[in-house]
Amino acid sequence: MTRGDQAIEKGSAKLRDLSEQAAARGGIGEKVAKPLAEDAAFLRKLKPSMIAARARGEAPTGQEPGSVEVPVAPPGPQVKRSKPKSGGPNPFVVVGAALVIGVVLAKVLDWRGHAHPRD
């Protein structure tokens, strides 16, 4: 197997793993799993040694399209999702405090401006 064949096989294996993960996730990932599996199978057909064999007439050229098995998601949840940790103050409290501090600061600056008029 040449370096080109190895690179194609490695990329195809990554696509296959990605399609299996997408199928396991469910939702939109399930819809994307079939095209990814088909892409992985197509990528395997693009190995340089197979292209050369087809050009020489040694490999089969006519295959039925869509003959790729689709990964099926196993039943039940696969990943236990933890709840995000709640930390920090409520954002509404922070915005309210910033508003109050801004108003107080504006009043103080305006009041001090009257103490030393420029006229």
Protein backbone atom coordinates (compact mmCIF):
# COMPACT_ATOMS: atom_id res chain seq x y z
CA MET A 1 0.00 0.00 0.00
CA THR A 2 1.43 3.36 -1.02
CA ARG A 3 1.51 6.53 1.07
CA GLY A 4 -1.33 7.94 -1.01
CA ASP A 5 -3.45 4.86 -0.34
CA GLN A 6 -2.72 5.12 3.37
CA ALA A 7 -3.70 8.79 3.46
CA ILE A 8 -6.96 8.07 1.61
CA GLU A 9 -7.73 5.14 3.92
CA LYS A 10 -7.03 7.26 7.00
CA GLY A 11 -9.34 10.03 5.76
CA SER A 12 -12.02 7.50 4.90
CA ALA A 13 -11.80 5.94 8.36
CA LYS A 14 -12.19 9.38 9.96
CA LEU A 15 -15.26 10.09 7.84
CA ARG A 16 -16.71 6.71 8.78
CA ASP A 17 -16.12 7.38 12.50
CA LEU A 18 -17.70 10.81 12.11
CA SER A 19 -20.76 9.31 10.45
CA GLU A 20 -21.12 6.76 13.26
CA GLN A 21 -20.87 9.50 15.88
CA ALA A 22 -23.45 11.58 14.03
CA ALA A 23 -25.82 8.62 13.84
CA ALA A 24 -25.40 7.99 17.56
CA ARG A 25 -26.19 11.62 18.40
CA GLY A 26 -29.55 11.56 16.68
CA GLY A 27 -31.47 14.59 15.44
CA ILE A 28 -29.81 16.37 12.55
CA GLY A 29 -26.74 14.17 12.97
CA GLU A 30 -28.82 11.16 11.95
CA LYS A 31 -29.71 12.87 8.69
CA VAL A 32 -26.06 13.72 8.02
CA ALA A 33 -24.80 10.20 8.84
CA LYS A 34 -25.84 8.60 5.54
CA PRO A 35 -24.13 11.15 3.26
CA LEU A 36 -20.97 10.94 5.40
CA ALA A 37 -20.96 7.14 5.12
CA GLU A 38 -21.41 7.42 1.35
CA ASP A 39 -18.55 9.93 1.18
CA ALA A 40 -16.31 7.55 3.14
CA ALA A 41 -17.06 4.73 0.71
CA PHE A 42 -16.49 7.03 -2.27
CA LEU A 43 -13.20 8.23 -0.82
CA ARG A 44 -11.99 4.62 -0.60
CA LYS A 45 -12.61 4.31 -4.35
CA LEU A 46 -10.25 7.24 -4.96
CA LYS A 47 -7.11 5.41 -3.85
CA PRO A 48 -4.35 6.06 -6.37
CA SER A 49 -3.62 2.34 -6.78
CA MET A 50 -7.29 1.60 -7.52
CA ILE A 51 -7.48 4.45 -10.02
CA ALA A 52 -4.39 3.09 -11.77
CA ALA A 53 -5.86 -0.44 -11.78
CA ARG A 54 -9.12 0.83 -13.32
CA ALA A 55 -7.16 2.75 -15.95
CA ARG A 56 -5.32 -0.45 -16.87
CA GLY A 57 -8.62 -2.35 -16.95
CA GLU A 58 -7.78 -4.61 -14.01
CA ALA A 59 -10.42 -3.39 -11.56
CA PRO A 60 -14.22 -3.35 -11.91
CA THR A 61 -15.60 -0.03 -13.08
CA GLY A 62 -19.36 -0.48 -12.97
CA GLN A 63 -20.82 -0.59 -9.49
CA GLU A 64 -24.32 0.08 -8.31
CA PRO A 65 -24.59 3.55 -6.73
CA GLY A 66 -25.81 3.77 -3.16
CA SER A 67 -24.58 0.35 -2.09
CA VAL A 68 -23.19 1.74 1.15
CA GLU A 69 -24.45 0.47 4.48
CA VAL A 70 -25.75 3.23 6.69
CA PRO A 71 -24.71 3.24 10.33
CA VAL A 72 -27.63 2.79 12.68
CA ALA A 73 -27.71 4.51 16.04
CA PRO A 74 -27.80 2.15 19.00
CA PRO A 75 -30.95 2.39 21.12
CA GLY A 76 -30.96 4.51 24.23
CA PRO A 77 -28.84 7.45 25.28
CA GLN A 78 -25.11 7.02 24.73
CA VAL A 79 -23.77 10.05 26.57
CA LYS A 80 -24.80 11.24 29.97
CA ARG A 81 -24.97 15.00 29.80
CA SER A 82 -24.21 16.86 32.94
CA LYS A 83 -26.06 20.01 33.82
CA PRO A 84 -24.05 23.15 33.26
CA LYS A 85 -22.69 24.53 36.48
CA SER A 86 -24.45 27.68 37.51
CA GLY A 87 -21.98 30.19 38.76
CA GLY A 88 -21.86 33.89 39.18
CA PRO A 89 -24.57 36.43 39.81
CA ASN A 90 -27.80 36.77 37.92
CA PRO A 91 -27.16 38.81 34.74
CA PHE A 92 -30.24 40.96 35.38
CA VAL A 93 -28.84 41.97 38.77
CA VAL A 94 -25.50 42.90 37.17
CA VAL A 95 -27.18 45.02 34.48
CA GLY A 96 -29.43 46.70 37.08
CA ALA A 97 -26.45 47.49 39.34
CA ALA A 98 -24.51 48.94 36.39
CA LEU A 99 -27.47 51.12 35.50
CA VAL A 100 -27.84 52.42 39.07
CA ILE A 101 -24.09 53.11 39.37
CA GLY A 102 -24.13 54.93 36.02
CA VAL A 103 -27.05 57.14 37.02
CA VAL A 104 -25.49 57.97 40.39
CA LEU A 105 -22.13 58.76 38.76
CA ALA A 106 -23.82 61.05 36.20
CA LYS A 107 -25.69 62.91 38.98
CA VAL A 108 -22.48 63.39 41.00
CA LEU A 109 -20.55 64.69 37.99
CA ASP A 110 -23.37 67.04 37.07
CA TRP A 111 -23.61 68.34 40.65
CA ARG A 112 -19.83 68.94 40.86
CA GLY A 113 -19.98 70.79 37.56
CA HIS A 114 -22.22 73.44 39.13
CA ALA A 115 -19.75 74.00 41.99
CA HIS A 116 -17.09 75.47 39.68
CA PRO A 117 -18.77 77.25 36.75
CA ARG A 118 -16.52 78.42 33.88
CA ASP A 119 -18.39 81.69 33.30
